[in-house]
PDB file of N, CA and C in Angstrom:
ATOM      1  N   MET A   1      29.731  69.850  72.747  1.00  0.00           N
ATOM      2  CA  MET A   1      29.580  71.086  73.512  1.00  0.00           C
ATOM      3  C   MET A   1      29.517  72.271  72.551  1.00  0.00           C
ATOM      4  N   THR A   2      28.548  73.132  72.760  1.00  0.00           N
ATOM      5  CA  THR A   2      28.376  74.321  71.939  1.00  0.00           C
ATOM      6  C   THR A   2      29.241  75.461  72.473  1.00  0.00           C
ATOM      7  N   VAL A   3      29.955  76.115  71.576  1.00  0.00           N
ATOM      8  CA  VAL A   3      30.736  77.293  71.959  1.00  0.00           C
ATOM      9  C   VAL A   3      29.858  78.510  71.718  1.00  0.00           C
ATOM     10  N   ARG A   4      29.628  79.263  72.756  1.00  0.00           N
ATOM     11  CA  ARG A   4      28.779  80.446  72.659  1.00  0.00           C
ATOM     12  C   ARG A   4      29.467  81.559  71.876  1.00  0.00           C
ATOM     13  N   THR A   5      28.661  82.377  71.198  1.00  0.00           N
ATOM     14  CA  THR A   5      29.183  83.498  70.418  1.00  0.00           C
ATOM     15  C   THR A   5      29.230  84.783  71.237  1.00  0.00           C
ATOM     16  N   PHE A   6      28.911  84.669  72.530  1.00  0.00           N
ATOM     17  CA  PHE A   6      28.930  85.834  73.404  1.00  0.00           C
ATOM     18  C   PHE A   6      29.444  85.415  74.777  1.00  0.00           C
ATOM     19  N   ARG A   7      29.714  86.424  75.610  1.00  0.00           N
ATOM     20  CA  ARG A   7      30.118  86.173  76.992  1.00  0.00           C
ATOM     21  C   ARG A   7      29.508  87.256  77.863  1.00  0.00           C
ATOM     22  N   TRP A   8      29.559  87.045  79.164  1.00  0.00           N
ATOM     23  CA  TRP A   8      28.988  88.002  80.105  1.00  0.00           C
ATOM     24  C   TRP A   8      30.082  88.893  80.670  1.00  0.00           C
ATOM     25  N   LEU A   9      29.751  90.160  80.872  1.00  0.00           N
ATOM     26  CA  LEU A   9      30.707  91.141  81.378  1.00  0.00           C
ATOM     27  C   LEU A   9      30.036  92.042  82.400  1.00  0.00           C
ATOM     28  N   PRO A  10      30.574  92.122  83.624  1.00  0.00           N
ATOM     29  CA  PRO A  10      30.068  93.108  84.569  1.00  0.00           C
ATOM     30  C   PRO A  10      30.567  94.496  84.164  1.00  0.00           C
ATOM     31  N   ALA A  11      29.633  95.389  83.868  1.00  0.00           N
ATOM     32  CA  ALA A  11      29.996  96.759  83.487  1.00  0.00           C
ATOM     33  C   ALA A  11      28.821  97.676  83.788  1.00  0.00           C
ATOM     34  N   ASP A  12      29.108  98.876  84.200  1.00  0.00           N
ATOM     35  CA  ASP A  12      28.074  99.876  84.451  1.00  0.00           C
ATOM     36  C   ASP A  12      26.999  99.376  85.414  1.00  0.00           C
ATOM     37  N   GLY A  13      27.382  98.610  86.425  1.00  0.00           N
ATOM     38  CA  GLY A  13      26.460  98.184  87.466  1.00  0.00           C
ATOM     39  C   GLY A  13      25.595  96.980  87.151  1.00  0.00           C
ATOM     40  N   ALA A  14      25.839  96.313  86.010  1.00  0.00           N
ATOM     41  CA  ALA A  14      25.049  95.129  85.648  1.00  0.00           C
ATOM     42  C   ALA A  14      25.910  94.182  84.826  1.00  0.00           C
ATOM     43  N   ARG A  15      25.443  92.937  84.712  1.00  0.00           N
ATOM     44  CA  ARG A  15      26.122  91.957  83.855  1.00  0.00           C
ATOM     45  C   ARG A  15      25.503  92.033  82.467  1.00  0.00           C
ATOM     46  N   HIS A  16      26.332  92.317  81.467  1.00  0.00           N
ATOM     47  CA  HIS A  16      25.874  92.475  80.085  1.00  0.00           C
ATOM     48  C   HIS A  16      26.441  91.367  79.206  1.00  0.00           C
ATOM     49  N   ALA A  17      25.690  90.992  78.173  1.00  0.00           N
ATOM     50  CA  ALA A  17      26.157  90.022  77.191  1.00  0.00           C
ATOM     51  C   ALA A  17      26.847  90.788  76.073  1.00  0.00           C
ATOM     52  N   ILE A  18      28.100  90.415  75.803  1.00  0.00           N
ATOM     53  CA  ILE A  18      28.873  91.068  74.741  1.00  0.00           C
ATOM     54  C   ILE A  18      29.405  89.998  73.800  1.00  0.00           C
ATOM     55  N   PRO A  19      29.738  90.372  72.552  1.00  0.00           N
ATOM     56  CA  PRO A  19      30.302  89.391  71.627  1.00  0.00           C
ATOM     57  C   PRO A  19      31.617  88.836  72.168  1.00  0.00           C
ATOM     58  N   ARG A  20      31.908  87.583  71.819  1.00  0.00           N
ATOM     59  CA  ARG A  20      33.209  87.010  72.181  1.00  0.00           C
ATOM     60  C   ARG A  20      34.294  87.784  71.462  1.00  0.00           C
ATOM     61  N   GLY A  21      35.434  87.866  72.062  1.00  0.00           N
ATOM     62  CA  GLY A  21      36.551  88.560  71.441  1.00  0.00           C
ATOM     63  C   GLY A  21      37.376  89.273  72.483  1.00  0.00           C
ATOM     64  N   LEU A  22      38.448  89.865  72.022  1.00  0.00           N
ATOM     65  CA  LEU A  22      39.338  90.613  72.915  1.00  0.00           C
ATOM     66  C   LEU A  22      39.054  92.097  72.762  1.00  0.00           C
ATOM     67  N   PHE A  23      38.877  92.746  73.888  1.00  0.00           N
ATOM     68  CA  PHE A  23      38.623  94.175  73.900  1.00  0.00           C
ATOM     69  C   PHE A  23      39.588  94.816  74.877  1.00  0.00           C
ATOM     70  N   ALA A  24      40.067  95.984  74.538  1.00  0.00           N
ATOM     71  CA  ALA A  24      41.029  96.691  75.379  1.00  0.00           C
ATOM     72  C   ALA A  24      40.324  97.352  76.560  1.00  0.00           C
ATOM     73  N   PRO A  25      41.018  97.473  77.702  1.00  0.00           N
ATOM     74  CA  PRO A  25      40.445  98.207  78.828  1.00  0.00           C
ATOM     75  C   PRO A  25      40.035  99.614  78.383  1.00  0.00           C
ATOM     76  N   GLY A  26      38.840 100.023  78.773  1.00  0.00           N
ATOM     77  CA  GLY A  26      38.343 101.341  78.405  1.00  0.00           C
ATOM     78  C   GLY A  26      37.654 101.402  77.054  1.00  0.00           C
ATOM     79  N   GLU A  27      37.764 100.337  76.269  1.00  0.00           N
ATOM     80  CA  GLU A  27      37.142 100.313  74.944  1.00  0.00           C
ATOM     81  C   GLU A  27      35.622 100.208  75.077  1.00  0.00           C
ATOM     82  N   GLU A  28      34.903 100.919  74.210  1.00  0.00           N
ATOM     83  CA  GLU A  28      33.451 100.807  74.191  1.00  0.00           C
ATOM     84  C   GLU A  28      33.054  99.579  73.374  1.00  0.00           C
ATOM     85  N   VAL A  29      32.085  98.818  73.912  1.00  0.00           N
ATOM     86  CA  VAL A  29      31.636  97.578  73.276  1.00  0.00           C
ATOM     87  C   VAL A  29      30.114  97.627  73.181  1.00  0.00           C
ATOM     88  N   LEU A  30      29.587  97.184  72.054  1.00  0.00           N
ATOM     89  CA  LEU A  30      28.145  97.118  71.857  1.00  0.00           C
ATOM     90  C   LEU A  30      27.636  95.789  72.394  1.00  0.00           C
ATOM     91  N   THR A  31      26.681  95.829  73.317  1.00  0.00           N
ATOM     92  CA  THR A  31      26.126  94.609  73.890  1.00  0.00           C
ATOM     93  C   THR A  31      25.184  93.943  72.885  1.00  0.00           C
ATOM     94  N   LEU A  32      24.759  92.733  73.207  1.00  0.00           N
ATOM     95  CA  LEU A  32      23.794  92.045  72.353  1.00  0.00           C
ATOM     96  C   LEU A  32      22.487  92.816  72.273  1.00  0.00           C
ATOM     97  N   ALA A  33      22.195  93.623  73.278  1.00  0.00           N
ATOM     98  CA  ALA A  33      20.961  94.412  73.313  1.00  0.00           C
ATOM     99  C   ALA A  33      21.162  95.812  72.720  1.00  0.00           C
ATOM    100  N   ASP A  34      22.253  95.998  71.978  1.00  0.00           N
ATOM    101  CA  ASP A  34      22.565  97.266  71.313  1.00  0.00           C
ATOM    102  C   ASP A  34      22.762  98.434  72.276  1.00  0.00           C
ATOM    103  N   GLU A  35      23.285  98.148  73.452  1.00  0.00           N
ATOM    104  CA  GLU A  35      23.673  99.192  74.397  1.00  0.00           C
ATOM    105  C   GLU A  35      25.196  99.262  74.410  1.00  0.00           C
ATOM    106  N   THR A  36      25.743 100.431  74.624  1.00  0.00           N
ATOM    107  CA  THR A  36      27.190 100.588  74.674  1.00  0.00           C
ATOM    108  C   THR A  36      27.648 100.549  76.132  1.00  0.00           C
ATOM    109  N   VAL A  37      28.638  99.698  76.402  1.00  0.00           N
ATOM    110  CA  VAL A  37      29.273  99.654  77.723  1.00  0.00           C
ATOM    111  C   VAL A  37      30.770  99.813  77.517  1.00  0.00           C
ATOM    112  N   ARG A  38      31.433 100.266  78.551  1.00  0.00           N
ATOM    113  CA  ARG A  38      32.887 100.448  78.488  1.00  0.00           C
ATOM    114  C   ARG A  38      33.558  99.295  79.219  1.00  0.00           C
ATOM    115  N   MET A  39      34.553  98.706  78.582  1.00  0.00           N
ATOM    116  CA  MET A  39      35.315  97.638  79.215  1.00  0.00           C
ATOM    117  C   MET A  39      35.984  98.186  80.467  1.00  0.00           C
ATOM    118  N   PRO A  40      35.946  97.415  81.559  1.00  0.00           N
ATOM    119  CA  PRO A  40      36.576  97.886  82.798  1.00  0.00           C
ATOM    120  C   PRO A  40      38.094  98.005  82.635  1.00  0.00           C
ATOM    121  N   GLN A  41      38.684  98.826  83.465  1.00  0.00           N
ATOM    122  CA  GLN A  41      40.131  99.033  83.433  1.00  0.00           C
ATOM    123  C   GLN A  41      40.882  97.870  84.063  1.00  0.00           C
ATOM    124  N   ARG A  42      40.161  97.048  84.835  1.00  0.00           N
ATOM    125  CA  ARG A  42      40.793  95.898  85.491  1.00  0.00           C
ATOM    126  C   ARG A  42      39.843  94.711  85.375  1.00  0.00           C
ATOM    127  N   ARG A  43      40.355  93.543  85.696  1.00  0.00           N
ATOM    128  CA  ARG A  43      39.513  92.340  85.684  1.00  0.00           C
ATOM    129  C   ARG A  43      38.401  92.477  86.719  1.00  0.00           C
ATOM    130  N   PRO A  44      37.186  92.061  86.361  1.00  0.00           N
ATOM    131  CA  PRO A  44      36.098  92.127  87.337  1.00  0.00           C
ATOM    132  C   PRO A  44      36.413  91.275  88.569  1.00  0.00           C
ATOM    133  N   GLY A  45      36.043  91.785  89.729  1.00  0.00           N
ATOM    134  CA  GLY A  45      36.226  91.048  90.974  1.00  0.00           C
ATOM    135  C   GLY A  45      35.088  90.075  91.210  1.00  0.00           C
ATOM    136  N   GLU A  46      35.201  89.322  92.279  1.00  0.00           N
ATOM    137  CA  GLU A  46      34.189  88.309  92.594  1.00  0.00           C
ATOM    138  C   GLU A  46      32.806  88.914  92.801  1.00  0.00           C
ATOM    139  N   LEU A  47      32.722  90.051  93.464  1.00  0.00           N
ATOM    140  CA  LEU A  47      31.418  90.634  93.750  1.00  0.00           C
ATOM    141  C   LEU A  47      30.752  91.214  92.506  1.00  0.00           C
ATOM    142  N   GLU A  48      31.536  91.683  91.557  1.00  0.00           N
ATOM    143  CA  GLU A  48      30.951  92.238  90.344  1.00  0.00           C
ATOM    144  C   GLU A  48      30.197  91.184  89.536  1.00  0.00           C
ATOM    145  N   TRP A  49      30.596  89.920  89.677  1.00  0.00           N
ATOM    146  CA  TRP A  49      29.874  88.852  88.977  1.00  0.00           C
ATOM    147  C   TRP A  49      28.515  88.599  89.600  1.00  0.00           C
ATOM    148  N   LEU A  50      28.260  89.172  90.785  1.00  0.00           N
ATOM    149  CA  LEU A  50      26.967  89.023  91.440  1.00  0.00           C
ATOM    150  C   LEU A  50      26.014  90.173  91.114  1.00  0.00           C
ATOM    151  N   TRP A  51      26.460  91.129  90.313  1.00  0.00           N
ATOM    152  CA  TRP A  51      25.592  92.239  89.929  1.00  0.00           C
ATOM    153  C   TRP A  51      24.368  91.694  89.197  1.00  0.00           C
ATOM    154  N   PRO A  52      23.268  92.450  89.189  1.00  0.00           N
ATOM    155  CA  PRO A  52      22.080  91.981  88.462  1.00  0.00           C
ATOM    156  C   PRO A  52      22.360  91.886  86.964  1.00  0.00           C
ATOM    157  N   THR A  53      21.668  90.976  86.319  1.00  0.00           N
ATOM    158  CA  THR A  53      21.820  90.781  84.878  1.00  0.00           C
ATOM    159  C   THR A  53      20.960  91.804  84.141  1.00  0.00           C
ATOM    160  N   CYS A  54      21.518  92.416  83.121  1.00  0.00           N
ATOM    161  CA  CYS A  54      20.771  93.325  82.254  1.00  0.00           C
ATOM    162  C   CYS A  54      19.647  92.517  81.590  1.00  0.00           C
ATOM    163  N   LEU A  55      18.401  92.911  81.815  1.00  0.00           N
ATOM    164  CA  LEU A  55      17.273  92.137  81.296  1.00  0.00           C
ATOM    165  C   LEU A  55      17.198  92.157  79.770  1.00  0.00           C
ATOM    166  N   ALA A  56      17.601  93.261  79.156  1.00  0.00           N
ATOM    167  CA  ALA A  56      17.607  93.329  77.693  1.00  0.00           C
ATOM    168  C   ALA A  56      18.645  92.359  77.118  1.00  0.00           C
ATOM    169  N   CYS A  57      19.831  92.303  77.724  1.00  0.00           N
ATOM    170  CA  CYS A  57      20.865  91.357  77.276  1.00  0.00           C
ATOM    171  C   CYS A  57      20.408  89.916  77.512  1.00  0.00           C
ATOM    172  N   TRP A  58      19.752  89.679  78.651  1.00  0.00           N
ATOM    173  CA  TRP A  58      19.278  88.336  78.975  1.00  0.00           C
ATOM    174  C   TRP A  58      18.304  87.833  77.905  1.00  0.00           C
ATOM    175  N   ALA A  59      17.370  88.684  77.488  1.00  0.00           N
ATOM    176  CA  ALA A  59      16.372  88.285  76.491  1.00  0.00           C
ATOM    177  C   ALA A  59      17.036  87.913  75.163  1.00  0.00           C
ATOM    178  N   VAL A  60      17.989  88.734  74.716  1.00  0.00           N
ATOM    179  CA  VAL A  60      18.666  88.459  73.444  1.00  0.00           C
ATOM    180  C   VAL A  60      19.555  87.217  73.580  1.00  0.00           C
ATOM    181  N   ALA A  61      20.250  87.092  74.697  1.00  0.00           N
ATOM    182  CA  ALA A  61      21.129  85.932  74.909  1.00  0.00           C
ATOM    183  C   ALA A  61      20.316  84.642  74.932  1.00  0.00           C
ATOM    184  N   LYS A  62      19.164  84.677  75.572  1.00  0.00           N
ATOM    185  CA  LYS A  62      18.313  83.487  75.647  1.00  0.00           C
ATOM    186  C   LYS A  62      17.865  83.045  74.253  1.00  0.00           C
ATOM    187  N   GLU A  63      17.465  83.997  73.414  1.00  0.00           N
ATOM    188  CA  GLU A  63      17.082  83.675  72.040  1.00  0.00           C
ATOM    189  C   GLU A  63      18.261  83.100  71.266  1.00  0.00           C
ATOM    190  N   ARG A  64      19.425  83.703  71.446  1.00  0.00           N
ATOM    191  CA  ARG A  64      20.614  83.247  70.719  1.00  0.00           C
ATOM    192  C   ARG A  64      21.005  81.830  71.137  1.00  0.00           C
ATOM    193  N   VAL A  65      20.935  81.525  72.423  1.00  0.00           N
ATOM    194  CA  VAL A  65      21.266  80.173  72.906  1.00  0.00           C
ATOM    195  C   VAL A  65      20.289  79.148  72.322  1.00  0.00           C
ATOM    196  N   GLN A  66      19.033  79.499  72.281  1.00  0.00           N
ATOM    197  CA  GLN A  66      18.054  78.582  71.704  1.00  0.00           C
ATOM    198  C   GLN A  66      18.349  78.311  70.242  1.00  0.00           C
ATOM    199  N   ARG A  67      18.746  79.328  69.472  1.00  0.00           N
ATOM    200  CA  ARG A  67      19.099  79.135  68.052  1.00  0.00           C
ATOM    201  C   ARG A  67      20.376  78.295  67.928  1.00  0.00           C
ATOM    202  N   GLU A  68      21.382  78.613  68.736  1.00  0.00           N
ATOM    203  CA  GLU A  68      22.660  77.906  68.649  1.00  0.00           C
ATOM    204  C   GLU A  68      22.526  76.441  69.046  1.00  0.00           C
ATOM    205  N   ASP A  69      21.614  76.132  69.955  1.00  0.00           N
ATOM    206  CA  ASP A  69      21.452  74.758  70.428  1.00  0.00           C
ATOM    207  C   ASP A  69      20.539  73.919  69.538  1.00  0.00           C
ATOM    208  N   SER A  70      19.858  74.563  68.603  1.00  0.00           N
ATOM    209  CA  SER A  70      18.946  73.773  67.762  1.00  0.00           C
ATOM    210  C   SER A  70      19.594  73.332  66.474  1.00  0.00           C
TER     211      SER A  70
END
């Protein structure tokens, strides 16, 4: 099983790919698509995981998964 180097985070109205790691609530994090999002103050709820996926993050994440799996 491959361990991914990123994870998904609902923030700013969309699901963004961010590097794996621990980030403090309110901390700014650079997404895989070089956009800055702020970590939520609380754990994302069930509905936030249904937000649309950031297309820029999706493109970079897809490339990264292909590299990691090869």
